[in-house]
Amino acid sequence: MGGVLGKKKKQIEQKKKKDNNPTKNDQPAKKDFKKKEGKSSANGAYAFWEKKGKATMKKPTKLSNRQRQAHETIKATMKATLGGGDLSETVKLPEGEDKREWIAVNTVHFYNAASMIYGTISEDCVATNPKCAVMSAGPKYEYLWQDGKQFKKPTKMSAPDYIDRLFAWAGEQIADPNLFPVEPGARFPSGFMKQVKVIYKRLFRVYGHIYHCHFDKIKSLGANAHLNTCFKHFIYFIKEFQLVKDADLEPLQKLIDKFYAK
């Protein structure tokens, strides 16, 4: 894997593109979101959240050498490609790479990104906030928590409780070497794709809640474009590998459609 990733990294580092300047097509489908926001490259967006955010839990860092190499490829790809705005190229499987390993490493990245982004608004996401009394993505979409252990049946709870449990659960999945193998030559289990799709479906719900219930806070931080860039990257990856059903993306479908508009 290292040889292929090294070649890919070298190729992408040679590319030079202009900074991305999000257009109105990158904004959520609401009147308040039409305000001009300025430039935001993906590198700048992720750096912003890393500086401003408060991760809700310790980031998973246990990776094999080959997975660390893949992480470096992701970082190099963002530096060379995302700044130019072509996110659809960034998410594609590098030539010669194992699909499940590429998805696994990106899952760690997207988990950390969602955690940092949520950390910027977590102080406003409290059970006493009417918008957060239950976990939702607008008035039409409410989510119930179920983990098969403590909550064996779908259970209504506040948004902060739901999201805290979501990040804790996802972190456990990522840290499980039986699901995300770290030993050289270890194989991914047959149920890997099924379980990782649940992770992505639930991470999407965090974005849904942030956009519908905390976008005013995001605007007050001047982070509109940063949020849109990170979410766009997340959506492009989901679509590339068909990780979330279209029906589960409906709370933000208007915004997603704008990402793909010509």
C-alpha atoms as a PDB file:
ATOM      1  CA  MET A   1       0.000   0.000   0.000  1.00  0.00           C
ATOM      2  CA  GLY A   2       2.797   2.444   0.880  1.00  0.00           C
ATOM      3  CA  GLY A   3       4.144   2.541  -2.685  1.00  0.00           C
ATOM      4  CA  VAL A   4       0.810   3.385  -4.238  1.00  0.00           C
ATOM      5  CA  LEU A   5       0.001   5.976  -1.593  1.00  0.00           C
ATOM      6  CA  GLY A   6       3.456   7.514  -1.898  1.00  0.00           C
ATOM      7  CA  LYS A   7       3.038   7.863  -5.650  1.00  0.00           C
ATOM      8  CA  LYS A   8      -0.434   9.332  -5.232  1.00  0.00           C
ATOM      9  CA  LYS A   9       0.813  11.790  -2.620  1.00  0.00           C
ATOM     10  CA  LYS A  10       3.663  12.937  -4.857  1.00  0.00           C
ATOM     11  CA  GLN A  11       1.285  13.470  -7.770  1.00  0.00           C
ATOM     12  CA  ILE A  12      -1.230  15.510  -5.847  1.00  0.00           C
ATOM     13  CA  GLU A  13       1.432  17.648  -4.173  1.00  0.00           C
ATOM     14  CA  GLN A  14       2.548  18.757  -7.632  1.00  0.00           C
ATOM     15  CA  LYS A  15      -0.886  20.176  -8.420  1.00  0.00           C
ATOM     16  CA  LYS A  16      -1.447  23.895  -7.816  1.00  0.00           C
ATOM     17  CA  LYS A  17      -4.914  25.325  -7.809  1.00  0.00           C
ATOM     18  CA  LYS A  18      -6.529  28.569  -6.752  1.00  0.00           C
ATOM     19  CA  ASP A  19      -8.262  28.951  -3.390  1.00  0.00           C
ATOM     20  CA  ASN A  20     -11.865  27.897  -3.326  1.00  0.00           C
ATOM     21  CA  ASN A  21     -14.431  30.696  -3.206  1.00  0.00           C
ATOM     22  CA  PRO A  22     -17.811  29.196  -2.213  1.00  0.00           C
ATOM     23  CA  THR A  23     -20.755  30.487  -4.187  1.00  0.00           C
ATOM     24  CA  LYS A  24     -24.367  30.808  -3.170  1.00  0.00           C
ATOM     25  CA  ASN A  25     -24.830  27.235  -4.371  1.00  0.00           C
ATOM     26  CA  ASP A  26     -22.818  26.168  -1.326  1.00  0.00           C
ATOM     27  CA  GLN A  27     -25.297  27.743   1.070  1.00  0.00           C
ATOM     28  CA  PRO A  28     -28.271  26.093   2.804  1.00  0.00           C
ATOM     29  CA  ALA A  29     -31.668  26.657   1.209  1.00  0.00           C
ATOM     30  CA  LYS A  30     -32.845  29.355   3.614  1.00  0.00           C
ATOM     31  CA  LYS A  31     -33.036  33.125   3.249  1.00  0.00           C
ATOM     32  CA  ASP A  32     -30.709  33.722   6.194  1.00  0.00           C
ATOM     33  CA  PHE A  33     -28.004  31.685   4.470  1.00  0.00           C
ATOM     34  CA  LYS A  34     -27.683  33.904   1.388  1.00  0.00           C
ATOM     35  CA  LYS A  35     -25.312  36.371   2.994  1.00  0.00           C
ATOM     36  CA  LYS A  36     -21.906  36.559   1.301  1.00  0.00           C
ATOM     37  CA  GLU A  37     -19.347  34.713   3.398  1.00  0.00           C
ATOM     38  CA  GLY A  38     -15.940  34.999   1.729  1.00  0.00           C
ATOM     39  CA  LYS A  39     -13.409  32.311   0.881  1.00  0.00           C
ATOM     40  CA  SER A  40     -12.940  28.918   2.505  1.00  0.00           C
ATOM     41  CA  SER A  41     -10.618  26.158   1.340  1.00  0.00           C
ATOM     42  CA  ALA A  42     -10.991  22.744   2.937  1.00  0.00           C
ATOM     43  CA  ASN A  43      -7.607  23.111   4.602  1.00  0.00           C
ATOM     44  CA  GLY A  44      -8.726  26.395   6.108  1.00  0.00           C
ATOM     45  CA  ALA A  45     -12.070  24.938   7.126  1.00  0.00           C
ATOM     46  CA  TYR A  46     -10.636  21.981   9.025  1.00  0.00           C
ATOM     47  CA  ALA A  47      -7.959  24.184  10.596  1.00  0.00           C
ATOM     48  CA  PHE A  48     -10.705  26.552  11.782  1.00  0.00           C
ATOM     49  CA  TRP A  49     -12.608  23.797  13.589  1.00  0.00           C
ATOM     50  CA  GLU A  50      -9.427  22.371  15.066  1.00  0.00           C
ATOM     51  CA  LYS A  51      -8.693  25.792  16.557  1.00  0.00           C
ATOM     52  CA  LYS A  52     -12.229  26.725  17.632  1.00  0.00           C
ATOM     53  CA  GLY A  53     -13.782  23.360  18.399  1.00  0.00           C
ATOM     54  CA  LYS A  54     -13.833  21.257  21.507  1.00  0.00           C
ATOM     55  CA  ALA A  55     -13.803  17.563  20.685  1.00  0.00           C
ATOM     56  CA  THR A  56     -16.507  15.786  22.643  1.00  0.00           C
ATOM     57  CA  MET A  57     -14.211  12.858  23.355  1.00  0.00           C
ATOM     58  CA  LYS A  58     -10.653  11.697  22.779  1.00  0.00           C
ATOM     59  CA  LYS A  59      -9.922  11.173  19.092  1.00  0.00           C
ATOM     60  CA  PRO A  60      -9.138   7.608  17.977  1.00  0.00           C
ATOM     61  CA  THR A  61      -5.422   7.512  17.156  1.00  0.00           C
ATOM     62  CA  LYS A  62      -4.619   3.789  17.032  1.00  0.00           C
ATOM     63  CA  LEU A  63      -3.766   3.156  13.403  1.00  0.00           C
ATOM     64  CA  SER A  64      -1.513   0.724  11.594  1.00  0.00           C
ATOM     65  CA  ASN A  65       1.490   2.023   9.662  1.00  0.00           C
ATOM     66  CA  ARG A  66      -0.342   1.598   6.366  1.00  0.00           C
ATOM     67  CA  GLN A  67      -3.379   3.424   7.725  1.00  0.00           C
ATOM     68  CA  ARG A  68      -1.138   6.271   8.878  1.00  0.00           C
ATOM     69  CA  GLN A  69       0.240   6.406   5.340  1.00  0.00           C
ATOM     70  CA  ALA A  70      -3.331   6.650   4.060  1.00  0.00           C
ATOM     71  CA  HIS A  71      -3.944   9.475   6.544  1.00  0.00           C
ATOM     72  CA  GLU A  72      -1.001  11.353   5.087  1.00  0.00           C
ATOM     73  CA  THR A  73      -2.480  10.833   1.633  1.00  0.00           C
ATOM     74  CA  ILE A  74      -5.775  12.375   2.784  1.00  0.00           C
ATOM     75  CA  LYS A  75      -3.934  15.399   4.212  1.00  0.00           C
ATOM     76  CA  ALA A  76      -1.834  15.843   1.080  1.00  0.00           C
ATOM     77  CA  THR A  77      -4.920  15.466  -1.090  1.00  0.00           C
ATOM     78  CA  MET A  78      -6.734  18.184   0.844  1.00  0.00           C
ATOM     79  CA  LYS A  79      -3.749  20.502   0.536  1.00  0.00           C
ATOM     80  CA  ALA A  80      -3.401  20.045  -3.206  1.00  0.00           C
ATOM     81  CA  THR A  81      -6.983  19.397  -4.308  1.00  0.00           C
ATOM     82  CA  LEU A  82      -9.533  20.762  -1.858  1.00  0.00           C
ATOM     83  CA  GLY A  83      -8.094  24.249  -2.043  1.00  0.00           C
ATOM     84  CA  GLY A  84      -9.005  24.189  -5.722  1.00  0.00           C
ATOM     85  CA  GLY A  85     -12.586  23.271  -4.945  1.00  0.00           C
ATOM     86  CA  ASP A  86     -12.756  19.894  -6.696  1.00  0.00           C
ATOM     87  CA  LEU A  87     -13.961  17.883  -3.730  1.00  0.00           C
ATOM     88  CA  SER A  88     -15.367  15.135  -5.932  1.00  0.00           C
ATOM     89  CA  GLU A  89     -11.819  14.176  -6.954  1.00  0.00           C
ATOM     90  CA  THR A  90     -10.583  14.143  -3.377  1.00  0.00           C
ATOM     91  CA  VAL A  91     -12.889  11.389  -2.215  1.00  0.00           C
ATOM     92  CA  LYS A  92     -12.151   8.912  -4.993  1.00  0.00           C
ATOM     93  CA  LEU A  93     -10.378   5.660  -4.199  1.00  0.00           C
ATOM     94  CA  PRO A  94      -6.660   5.940  -5.050  1.00  0.00           C
ATOM     95  CA  GLU A  95      -5.514   3.520  -7.725  1.00  0.00           C
ATOM     96  CA  GLY A  96      -4.522   0.169  -6.260  1.00  0.00           C
ATOM     97  CA  GLU A  97      -5.978   0.899  -2.822  1.00  0.00           C
ATOM     98  CA  ASP A  98      -8.274  -1.352  -0.821  1.00  0.00           C
ATOM     99  CA  LYS A  99     -11.750   0.174  -0.708  1.00  0.00           C
ATOM    100  CA  ARG A 100     -12.505  -0.823   2.870  1.00  0.00           C
ATOM    101  CA  GLU A 101      -9.215   0.515   4.169  1.00  0.00           C
ATOM    102  CA  TRP A 102      -9.737   3.823   2.374  1.00  0.00           C
ATOM    103  CA  ILE A 103     -13.221   4.071   3.896  1.00  0.00           C
ATOM    104  CA  ALA A 104     -11.911   3.128   7.347  1.00  0.00           C
ATOM    105  CA  VAL A 105      -9.238   5.831   7.403  1.00  0.00           C
ATOM    106  CA  ASN A 106     -11.614   8.476   6.071  1.00  0.00           C
ATOM    107  CA  THR A 107     -14.147   7.448   8.722  1.00  0.00           C
ATOM    108  CA  VAL A 108     -11.667   8.448  11.428  1.00  0.00           C
ATOM    109  CA  HIS A 109     -11.178  11.788   9.671  1.00  0.00           C
ATOM    110  CA  PHE A 110     -14.904  12.516   9.328  1.00  0.00           C
ATOM    111  CA  TYR A 111     -15.575  11.416  12.899  1.00  0.00           C
ATOM    112  CA  ASN A 112     -12.969  13.853  14.222  1.00  0.00           C
ATOM    113  CA  ALA A 113     -14.238  16.653  11.970  1.00  0.00           C
ATOM    114  CA  ALA A 114     -17.846  16.240  13.117  1.00  0.00           C
ATOM    115  CA  SER A 115     -16.717  16.117  16.744  1.00  0.00           C
ATOM    116  CA  MET A 116     -14.735  19.350  16.426  1.00  0.00           C
ATOM    117  CA  ILE A 117     -17.515  21.145  14.571  1.00  0.00           C
ATOM    118  CA  TYR A 118     -20.080  20.152  17.179  1.00  0.00           C
ATOM    119  CA  GLY A 119     -17.683  21.312  19.874  1.00  0.00           C
ATOM    120  CA  THR A 120     -18.032  24.898  18.654  1.00  0.00           C
ATOM    121  CA  ILE A 121     -21.754  24.993  19.398  1.00  0.00           C
ATOM    122  CA  SER A 122     -21.969  22.437  22.221  1.00  0.00           C
ATOM    123  CA  GLU A 123     -22.426  25.139  24.862  1.00  0.00           C
ATOM    124  CA  ASP A 124     -25.641  26.193  23.109  1.00  0.00           C
ATOM    125  CA  CYS A 125     -26.827  22.623  22.602  1.00  0.00           C
ATOM    126  CA  VAL A 126     -28.435  22.011  25.977  1.00  0.00           C
ATOM    127  CA  ALA A 127     -31.624  20.248  26.990  1.00  0.00           C
ATOM    128  CA  THR A 128     -33.153  23.546  28.179  1.00  0.00           C
ATOM    129  CA  ASN A 129     -32.856  24.985  24.660  1.00  0.00           C
ATOM    130  CA  PRO A 130     -36.272  24.376  23.027  1.00  0.00           C
ATOM    131  CA  LYS A 131     -34.565  23.398  19.773  1.00  0.00           C
ATOM    132  CA  CYS A 132     -32.522  20.757  21.590  1.00  0.00           C
ATOM    133  CA  ALA A 133     -35.115  19.244  23.943  1.00  0.00           C
ATOM    134  CA  VAL A 134     -35.231  16.290  21.543  1.00  0.00           C
ATOM    135  CA  MET A 135     -32.690  15.217  18.932  1.00  0.00           C
ATOM    136  CA  SER A 136     -33.919  16.575  15.625  1.00  0.00           C
ATOM    137  CA  ALA A 137     -32.982  18.071  12.262  1.00  0.00           C
ATOM    138  CA  GLY A 138     -35.834  20.542  11.951  1.00  0.00           C
ATOM    139  CA  PRO A 139     -39.512  20.037  12.817  1.00  0.00           C
ATOM    140  CA  LYS A 140     -40.027  17.109  10.417  1.00  0.00           C
ATOM    141  CA  TYR A 141     -37.158  14.887  11.536  1.00  0.00           C
ATOM    142  CA  GLU A 142     -36.733  13.500  15.043  1.00  0.00           C
ATOM    143  CA  TYR A 143     -34.180  10.837  15.979  1.00  0.00           C
ATOM    144  CA  LEU A 144     -34.388   8.151  18.655  1.00  0.00           C
ATOM    145  CA  TRP A 145     -31.316   6.545  20.194  1.00  0.00           C
ATOM    146  CA  GLN A 146     -30.667   2.807  20.185  1.00  0.00           C
ATOM    147  CA  ASP A 147     -27.349   1.070  20.812  1.00  0.00           C
ATOM    148  CA  GLY A 148     -28.406  -2.515  21.475  1.00  0.00           C
ATOM    149  CA  LYS A 149     -26.913  -2.410  24.965  1.00  0.00           C
ATOM    150  CA  GLN A 150     -28.082   0.234  27.409  1.00  0.00           C
ATOM    151  CA  PHE A 151     -30.822   1.328  25.024  1.00  0.00           C
ATOM    152  CA  LYS A 152     -32.169  -1.772  23.330  1.00  0.00           C
ATOM    153  CA  LYS A 153     -35.289   0.011  22.067  1.00  0.00           C
ATOM    154  CA  PRO A 154     -35.468   3.369  20.230  1.00  0.00           C
ATOM    155  CA  THR A 155     -35.456   6.015  22.970  1.00  0.00           C
ATOM    156  CA  LYS A 156     -36.308   9.715  22.809  1.00  0.00           C
ATOM    157  CA  MET A 157     -33.713  11.987  24.419  1.00  0.00           C
ATOM    158  CA  SER A 158     -32.343  15.510  24.208  1.00  0.00           C
ATOM    159  CA  ALA A 159     -29.989  16.474  21.400  1.00  0.00           C
ATOM    160  CA  PRO A 160     -26.920  16.850  23.658  1.00  0.00           C
ATOM    161  CA  ASP A 161     -27.523  13.449  25.241  1.00  0.00           C
ATOM    162  CA  TYR A 162     -28.066  11.848  21.841  1.00  0.00           C
ATOM    163  CA  ILE A 163     -24.978  13.420  20.275  1.00  0.00           C
ATOM    164  CA  ASP A 164     -22.736  12.625  23.256  1.00  0.00           C
ATOM    165  CA  ARG A 165     -23.837   8.991  23.070  1.00  0.00           C
ATOM    166  CA  LEU A 166     -23.387   9.025  19.309  1.00  0.00           C
ATOM    167  CA  PHE A 167     -19.768  10.178  19.501  1.00  0.00           C
ATOM    168  CA  ALA A 168     -18.998   7.751  22.323  1.00  0.00           C
ATOM    169  CA  TRP A 169     -20.548   4.864  20.367  1.00  0.00           C
ATOM    170  CA  ALA A 170     -18.806   5.788  17.109  1.00  0.00           C
ATOM    171  CA  GLY A 171     -15.488   6.170  18.920  1.00  0.00           C
ATOM    172  CA  GLU A 172     -15.869   2.674  20.335  1.00  0.00           C
ATOM    173  CA  GLN A 173     -16.547   1.265  16.872  1.00  0.00           C
ATOM    174  CA  ILE A 174     -13.477   2.954  15.405  1.00  0.00           C
ATOM    175  CA  ALA A 175     -11.267   1.838  18.299  1.00  0.00           C
ATOM    176  CA  ASP A 176     -12.402  -1.800  17.982  1.00  0.00           C
ATOM    177  CA  PRO A 177      -9.564  -3.679  16.198  1.00  0.00           C
ATOM    178  CA  ASN A 178     -12.011  -6.410  15.243  1.00  0.00           C
ATOM    179  CA  LEU A 179     -13.979  -3.896  13.168  1.00  0.00           C
ATOM    180  CA  PHE A 180     -11.170  -1.503  12.221  1.00  0.00           C
ATOM    181  CA  PRO A 181      -8.133  -3.845  12.076  1.00  0.00           C
ATOM    182  CA  VAL A 182      -4.727  -2.323  12.776  1.00  0.00           C
ATOM    183  CA  GLU A 183      -2.418  -5.331  12.567  1.00  0.00           C
ATOM    184  CA  PRO A 184      -0.457  -5.815   9.305  1.00  0.00           C
ATOM    185  CA  GLY A 185      -2.279  -8.199   7.020  1.00  0.00           C
ATOM    186  CA  ALA A 186      -5.420  -8.264   9.165  1.00  0.00           C
ATOM    187  CA  ARG A 187      -8.640  -8.568   7.215  1.00  0.00           C
ATOM    188  CA  PHE A 188     -11.739  -6.484   7.591  1.00  0.00           C
ATOM    189  CA  PRO A 189     -14.727  -8.420   8.942  1.00  0.00           C
ATOM    190  CA  SER A 190     -17.598  -9.331   6.635  1.00  0.00           C
ATOM    191  CA  GLY A 191     -19.883  -6.935   8.511  1.00  0.00           C
ATOM    192  CA  PHE A 192     -17.572  -3.929   8.184  1.00  0.00           C
ATOM    193  CA  MET A 193     -19.513  -2.079   5.484  1.00  0.00           C
ATOM    194  CA  LYS A 194     -22.857  -2.605   7.206  1.00  0.00           C
ATOM    195  CA  GLN A 195     -21.568  -1.173  10.470  1.00  0.00           C
ATOM    196  CA  VAL A 196     -19.648   1.706   8.928  1.00  0.00           C
ATOM    197  CA  LYS A 197     -22.789   2.806   7.100  1.00  0.00           C
ATOM    198  CA  VAL A 198     -24.503   3.206  10.471  1.00  0.00           C
ATOM    199  CA  ILE A 199     -21.630   5.423  11.607  1.00  0.00           C
ATOM    200  CA  TYR A 200     -22.027   7.690   8.579  1.00  0.00           C
ATOM    201  CA  LYS A 201     -25.804   7.812   8.910  1.00  0.00           C
ATOM    202  CA  ARG A 202     -25.475   8.950  12.504  1.00  0.00           C
ATOM    203  CA  LEU A 203     -22.717  11.473  11.791  1.00  0.00           C
ATOM    204  CA  PHE A 204     -24.998  13.007   9.175  1.00  0.00           C
ATOM    205  CA  ARG A 205     -27.588  13.566  11.903  1.00  0.00           C
ATOM    206  CA  VAL A 206     -25.100  15.752  13.769  1.00  0.00           C
ATOM    207  CA  TYR A 207     -24.784  17.974  10.696  1.00  0.00           C
ATOM    208  CA  GLY A 208     -28.566  17.981  10.318  1.00  0.00           C
ATOM    209  CA  HIS A 209     -29.007  19.187  13.878  1.00  0.00           C
ATOM    210  CA  ILE A 210     -26.316  21.852  13.550  1.00  0.00           C
ATOM    211  CA  TYR A 211     -27.712  23.280  10.312  1.00  0.00           C
ATOM    212  CA  HIS A 212     -31.327  23.338  11.466  1.00  0.00           C
ATOM    213  CA  CYS A 213     -30.869  24.313  15.104  1.00  0.00           C
ATOM    214  CA  HIS A 214     -27.534  26.083  15.539  1.00  0.00           C
ATOM    215  CA  PHE A 215     -26.785  27.879  12.304  1.00  0.00           C
ATOM    216  CA  ASP A 216     -27.180  31.295  13.960  1.00  0.00           C
ATOM    217  CA  LYS A 217     -24.308  30.346  16.269  1.00  0.00           C
ATOM    218  CA  ILE A 218     -22.243  29.212  13.284  1.00  0.00           C
ATOM    219  CA  LYS A 219     -22.901  32.579  11.601  1.00  0.00           C
ATOM    220  CA  SER A 220     -21.892  34.463  14.734  1.00  0.00           C
ATOM    221  CA  LEU A 221     -18.520  32.700  14.539  1.00  0.00           C
ATOM    222  CA  GLY A 222     -18.146  33.672  10.887  1.00  0.00           C
ATOM    223  CA  ALA A 223     -17.955  29.969  10.092  1.00  0.00           C
ATOM    224  CA  ASN A 224     -20.665  29.580   7.438  1.00  0.00           C
ATOM    225  CA  ALA A 225     -18.279  28.780   4.608  1.00  0.00           C
ATOM    226  CA  HIS A 226     -16.139  26.525   6.797  1.00  0.00           C
ATOM    227  CA  LEU A 227     -19.146  24.430   7.784  1.00  0.00           C
ATOM    228  CA  ASN A 228     -20.357  24.184   4.183  1.00  0.00           C
ATOM    229  CA  THR A 229     -16.927  23.082   2.955  1.00  0.00           C
ATOM    230  CA  CYS A 230     -16.585  20.318   5.552  1.00  0.00           C
ATOM    231  CA  PHE A 231     -20.137  19.116   5.019  1.00  0.00           C
ATOM    232  CA  LYS A 232     -19.685  19.127   1.257  1.00  0.00           C
ATOM    233  CA  HIS A 233     -16.569  16.957   1.614  1.00  0.00           C
ATOM    234  CA  PHE A 234     -18.525  14.601   3.881  1.00  0.00           C
ATOM    235  CA  ILE A 235     -21.439  14.357   1.426  1.00  0.00           C
ATOM    236  CA  TYR A 236     -19.207  13.751  -1.577  1.00  0.00           C
ATOM    237  CA  PHE A 237     -17.566  10.860   0.243  1.00  0.00           C
ATOM    238  CA  ILE A 238     -20.935   9.411   1.240  1.00  0.00           C
ATOM    239  CA  LYS A 239     -22.192   9.608  -2.331  1.00  0.00           C
ATOM    240  CA  GLU A 240     -18.990   8.196  -3.832  1.00  0.00           C
ATOM    241  CA  PHE A 241     -19.297   4.988  -1.796  1.00  0.00           C
ATOM    242  CA  GLN A 242     -23.089   4.918  -1.287  1.00  0.00           C
ATOM    243  CA  LEU A 243     -22.783   4.941   2.495  1.00  0.00           C
ATOM    244  CA  VAL A 244     -26.116   6.574   3.382  1.00  0.00           C
ATOM    245  CA  LYS A 245     -29.505   6.077   1.776  1.00  0.00           C
ATOM    246  CA  ASP A 246     -31.024   9.090   0.028  1.00  0.00           C
ATOM    247  CA  ALA A 247     -34.047   8.970   2.333  1.00  0.00           C
ATOM    248  CA  ASP A 248     -31.775   9.558   5.339  1.00  0.00           C
ATOM    249  CA  LEU A 249     -30.298  12.667   3.702  1.00  0.00           C
ATOM    250  CA  GLU A 250     -33.642  14.413   3.255  1.00  0.00           C
ATOM    251  CA  PRO A 251     -33.260  16.904   6.144  1.00  0.00           C
ATOM    252  CA  LEU A 252     -30.498  18.655   4.167  1.00  0.00           C
ATOM    253  CA  GLN A 253     -31.471  17.602   0.644  1.00  0.00           C
ATOM    254  CA  LYS A 254     -31.907  21.150  -0.674  1.00  0.00           C
ATOM    255  CA  LEU A 255     -28.384  22.044   0.372  1.00  0.00           C
ATOM    256  CA  ILE A 256     -26.998  18.788  -1.046  1.00  0.00           C
ATOM    257  CA  ASP A 257     -28.720  19.455  -4.368  1.00  0.00           C
ATOM    258  CA  LYS A 258     -26.970  22.810  -4.522  1.00  0.00           C
ATOM    259  CA  PHE A 259     -23.610  21.104  -4.057  1.00  0.00           C
ATOM    260  CA  TYR A 260     -24.255  19.129  -7.234  1.00  0.00           C
ATOM    261  CA  ALA A 261     -25.871  21.945  -9.229  1.00  0.00           C
ATOM    262  CA  LYS A 262     -23.952  22.938 -12.343  1.00  0.00           C
END
